[in-house]
Each structure stands twice: as C-alpha cells, then as structure tokens.
Amino acid sequence: MKWFAYEVSPIDWGWNRLKTVEETAREIGADEALVRAGGGDPMMEEEPTIEQFLADWESAKQAAEEKGWEGDFRHKPVVFWVPTSTSFEYGFAFKQVNNGTTFVISPVRLPLP
C-alpha cells in the first residue's frame, strides 16, 4: 500500500477512543474466520485479510522509519479509518518515547503539517 507518512507534534489526548493494532487484528481475523466458515456477511469477503492487514502494518512502520521514527512506542499503536470513494481504509498512529513525537501513517493525503 502507498502510505502518506507524517511526523507531527505530540498528540496527548484521545488515544483511548481508538482501537489498537492488536484489537483491530483480532477483529479482522475473527471476521475472516467467520466468512471462511460460511457465516457472516458476504460483503466481508471484500475486506482485507489478516495477512494483508499485518503486511500493511509492517510497511506503515517502515514508512514511519523513513520519516524519523526511532522504532519504539510510548503506548500501544492505534488504527484509524478514513473514507475513500468506495470504502473506509485504515491508517495507523503512534507516539514514540523520545519527545512524544507522533507519527500518522495514512492511506490518503491528510491536511497535516
């Protein structure tokens, strides 16, 4: 996936409103298992697989490293969703320990500095 990576000033509030990468991965995996077992909403077949989500997470971390991320987390990284022309796509946000610098990795260009 092509990412738009942003290094922004520390974001201190609202993290608890977003699901963590771990929580989101569990939900995607559970939804995928339900579809494979013949249950669930057939539209879920169009959703990304757990393998794709985890691969995207790895590539998002790489995009953050290219923006200066030092490879650590002040707290658990989170997932956010943005609308596109046909669906909602996920992005990632996390804060590093050093100075609390926040990294936002988005599938679409955002109006961030």
C-alpha atoms as a PDB file:
ATOM      1  CA  MET A   1       0.000   0.000   0.000  1.00  0.00           C
ATOM      2  CA  LYS A   2       1.149   3.539  -0.653  1.00  0.00           C
ATOM      3  CA  TRP A   3       1.344   5.496   2.581  1.00  0.00           C
ATOM      4  CA  PHE A   4       1.377   9.179   3.393  1.00  0.00           C
ATOM      5  CA  ALA A   5       3.577   9.461   6.478  1.00  0.00           C
ATOM      6  CA  TYR A   6       3.500  12.430   8.829  1.00  0.00           C
ATOM      7  CA  GLU A   7       5.659  13.346  11.806  1.00  0.00           C
ATOM      8  CA  VAL A   8       3.611  15.703  13.970  1.00  0.00           C
ATOM      9  CA  SER A   9       3.837  17.351  17.360  1.00  0.00           C
ATOM     10  CA  PRO A  10       2.877  15.158  20.303  1.00  0.00           C
ATOM     11  CA  ILE A  11      -0.793  14.235  20.375  1.00  0.00           C
ATOM     12  CA  ASP A  12      -1.683  13.784  24.034  1.00  0.00           C
ATOM     13  CA  TRP A  13      -5.443  13.197  24.140  1.00  0.00           C
ATOM     14  CA  GLY A  14      -7.964  10.872  22.525  1.00  0.00           C
ATOM     15  CA  TRP A  15      -5.825   7.750  22.098  1.00  0.00           C
ATOM     16  CA  ASN A  16      -8.248   5.757  24.244  1.00  0.00           C
ATOM     17  CA  ARG A  17     -11.015   6.416  21.678  1.00  0.00           C
ATOM     18  CA  LEU A  18      -9.217   4.362  19.010  1.00  0.00           C
ATOM     19  CA  LYS A  19      -8.718   0.607  18.781  1.00  0.00           C
ATOM     20  CA  THR A  20      -5.196  -0.682  18.995  1.00  0.00           C
ATOM     21  CA  VAL A  21      -3.479  -2.500  16.142  1.00  0.00           C
ATOM     22  CA  GLU A  22      -3.776  -5.681  18.214  1.00  0.00           C
ATOM     23  CA  GLU A  23      -7.525  -5.249  18.788  1.00  0.00           C
ATOM     24  CA  THR A  24      -8.115  -4.487  15.116  1.00  0.00           C
ATOM     25  CA  ALA A  25      -6.061  -7.506  14.009  1.00  0.00           C
ATOM     26  CA  ARG A  26      -8.118  -9.758  16.292  1.00  0.00           C
ATOM     27  CA  GLU A  27     -11.369  -8.411  14.838  1.00  0.00           C
ATOM     28  CA  ILE A  28     -10.206  -8.769  11.240  1.00  0.00           C
ATOM     29  CA  GLY A  29      -9.020 -12.320  11.947  1.00  0.00           C
ATOM     30  CA  ALA A  30     -12.304 -13.258  13.629  1.00  0.00           C
ATOM     31  CA  ASP A  31     -14.345 -11.771  10.764  1.00  0.00           C
ATOM     32  CA  GLU A  32     -12.219 -13.597   8.206  1.00  0.00           C
ATOM     33  CA  ALA A  33     -12.632 -16.904  10.067  1.00  0.00           C
ATOM     34  CA  LEU A  34     -16.398 -16.414  10.180  1.00  0.00           C
ATOM     35  CA  VAL A  35     -16.562 -15.821   6.418  1.00  0.00           C
ATOM     36  CA  ARG A  36     -14.335 -18.833   5.704  1.00  0.00           C
ATOM     37  CA  ALA A  37     -16.600 -20.982   7.878  1.00  0.00           C
ATOM     38  CA  GLY A  38     -19.589 -19.956   5.750  1.00  0.00           C
ATOM     39  CA  GLY A  39     -21.109 -17.443   8.147  1.00  0.00           C
ATOM     40  CA  GLY A  40     -21.140 -13.708   8.386  1.00  0.00           C
ATOM     41  CA  ASP A  41     -21.938 -11.011   5.896  1.00  0.00           C
ATOM     42  CA  PRO A  42     -20.889 -11.897   2.316  1.00  0.00           C
ATOM     43  CA  MET A  43     -19.706  -8.294   1.884  1.00  0.00           C
ATOM     44  CA  MET A  44     -16.954  -9.100   4.384  1.00  0.00           C
ATOM     45  CA  GLU A  45     -15.252 -11.125   1.656  1.00  0.00           C
ATOM     46  CA  GLU A  46     -14.170  -7.802   0.154  1.00  0.00           C
ATOM     47  CA  GLU A  47     -12.415  -6.787   3.379  1.00  0.00           C
ATOM     48  CA  PRO A  48      -8.635  -7.088   3.762  1.00  0.00           C
ATOM     49  CA  THR A  49      -7.360 -10.389   5.125  1.00  0.00           C
ATOM     50  CA  ILE A  50      -5.461 -10.600   8.372  1.00  0.00           C
ATOM     51  CA  GLU A  51      -2.309 -11.285   6.341  1.00  0.00           C
ATOM     52  CA  GLN A  52      -2.840  -8.086   4.334  1.00  0.00           C
ATOM     53  CA  PHE A  53      -3.535  -6.042   7.457  1.00  0.00           C
ATOM     54  CA  LEU A  54      -0.356  -7.276   9.158  1.00  0.00           C
ATOM     55  CA  ALA A  55       1.704  -6.711   5.996  1.00  0.00           C
ATOM     56  CA  ASP A  56       0.303  -3.174   5.791  1.00  0.00           C
ATOM     57  CA  TRP A  57       1.199  -2.613   9.445  1.00  0.00           C
ATOM     58  CA  GLU A  58       4.786  -3.638   8.719  1.00  0.00           C
ATOM     59  CA  SER A  59       5.006  -1.359   5.685  1.00  0.00           C
ATOM     60  CA  ALA A  60       3.456   1.505   7.700  1.00  0.00           C
ATOM     61  CA  LYS A  61       6.204   1.132  10.319  1.00  0.00           C
ATOM     62  CA  GLN A  62       8.778   1.248   7.536  1.00  0.00           C
ATOM     63  CA  ALA A  63       7.196   4.456   6.189  1.00  0.00           C
ATOM     64  CA  ALA A  64       7.419   5.942   9.690  1.00  0.00           C
ATOM     65  CA  GLU A  65      11.094   4.983   9.955  1.00  0.00           C
ATOM     66  CA  GLU A  66      11.720   6.914   6.754  1.00  0.00           C
ATOM     67  CA  LYS A  67      10.143   9.963   8.467  1.00  0.00           C
ATOM     68  CA  GLY A  68      12.377   9.605  11.535  1.00  0.00           C
ATOM     69  CA  TRP A  69      10.549   7.179  13.828  1.00  0.00           C
ATOM     70  CA  GLU A  70      13.045   5.642  16.263  1.00  0.00           C
ATOM     71  CA  GLY A  71      11.288   2.273  16.480  1.00  0.00           C
ATOM     72  CA  ASP A  72       9.607   2.459  19.892  1.00  0.00           C
ATOM     73  CA  PHE A  73       6.142   3.183  21.223  1.00  0.00           C
ATOM     74  CA  ARG A  74       5.091   5.337  24.162  1.00  0.00           C
ATOM     75  CA  HIS A  75       1.808   3.379  24.215  1.00  0.00           C
ATOM     76  CA  LYS A  76       0.069   0.847  22.000  1.00  0.00           C
ATOM     77  CA  PRO A  77      -0.244   1.938  18.357  1.00  0.00           C
ATOM     78  CA  VAL A  78      -3.778   2.577  17.110  1.00  0.00           C
ATOM     79  CA  VAL A  79      -5.814   2.262  13.930  1.00  0.00           C
ATOM     80  CA  PHE A  80      -7.981   4.990  12.436  1.00  0.00           C
ATOM     81  CA  TRP A  81     -10.311   4.830   9.426  1.00  0.00           C
ATOM     82  CA  VAL A  82     -10.779   7.326   6.604  1.00  0.00           C
ATOM     83  CA  PRO A  83     -13.442   7.310   3.898  1.00  0.00           C
ATOM     84  CA  THR A  84     -12.436   6.915   0.270  1.00  0.00           C
ATOM     85  CA  SER A  85     -14.655   6.889  -2.783  1.00  0.00           C
ATOM     86  CA  THR A  86     -15.784   3.289  -2.240  1.00  0.00           C
ATOM     87  CA  SER A  87     -14.897   2.217   1.306  1.00  0.00           C
ATOM     88  CA  PHE A  88     -13.213   3.040   4.582  1.00  0.00           C
ATOM     89  CA  GLU A  89      -9.488   2.378   4.692  1.00  0.00           C
ATOM     90  CA  TYR A  90      -7.284   2.033   7.738  1.00  0.00           C
ATOM     91  CA  GLY A  91      -4.282   4.034   8.774  1.00  0.00           C
ATOM     92  CA  PHE A  92      -2.066   3.930  11.834  1.00  0.00           C
ATOM     93  CA  ALA A  93      -0.967   6.382  14.510  1.00  0.00           C
ATOM     94  CA  PHE A  94       1.594   6.003  17.263  1.00  0.00           C
ATOM     95  CA  LYS A  95       3.742   8.040  19.546  1.00  0.00           C
ATOM     96  CA  GLN A  96       7.423   7.407  20.152  1.00  0.00           C
ATOM     97  CA  VAL A  97       9.096   7.718  23.536  1.00  0.00           C
ATOM     98  CA  ASN A  98      11.551  10.462  22.523  1.00  0.00           C
ATOM     99  CA  ASN A  99       9.746  13.807  22.902  1.00  0.00           C
ATOM    100  CA  GLY A 100       6.395  12.104  22.316  1.00  0.00           C
ATOM    101  CA  THR A 101       6.684  12.702  18.588  1.00  0.00           C
ATOM    102  CA  THR A 102       3.560  11.318  16.919  1.00  0.00           C
ATOM    103  CA  PHE A 103       3.542   9.506  13.597  1.00  0.00           C
ATOM    104  CA  VAL A 104       0.420   9.307  11.461  1.00  0.00           C
ATOM    105  CA  ILE A 105       0.534   6.856   8.567  1.00  0.00           C
ATOM    106  CA  SER A 106      -2.434   7.294   6.252  1.00  0.00           C
ATOM    107  CA  PRO A 107      -3.648   5.669   3.020  1.00  0.00           C
ATOM    108  CA  VAL A 108      -4.768   9.124   1.827  1.00  0.00           C
ATOM    109  CA  ARG A 109      -3.239  12.577   1.958  1.00  0.00           C
ATOM    110  CA  LEU A 110      -4.292  14.423   5.115  1.00  0.00           C
ATOM    111  CA  PRO A 111      -4.284  18.148   5.886  1.00  0.00           C
ATOM    112  CA  LEU A 112      -1.437  17.736   8.380  1.00  0.00           C
ATOM    113  CA  PRO A 113       1.791  19.733   8.558  1.00  0.00           C
END
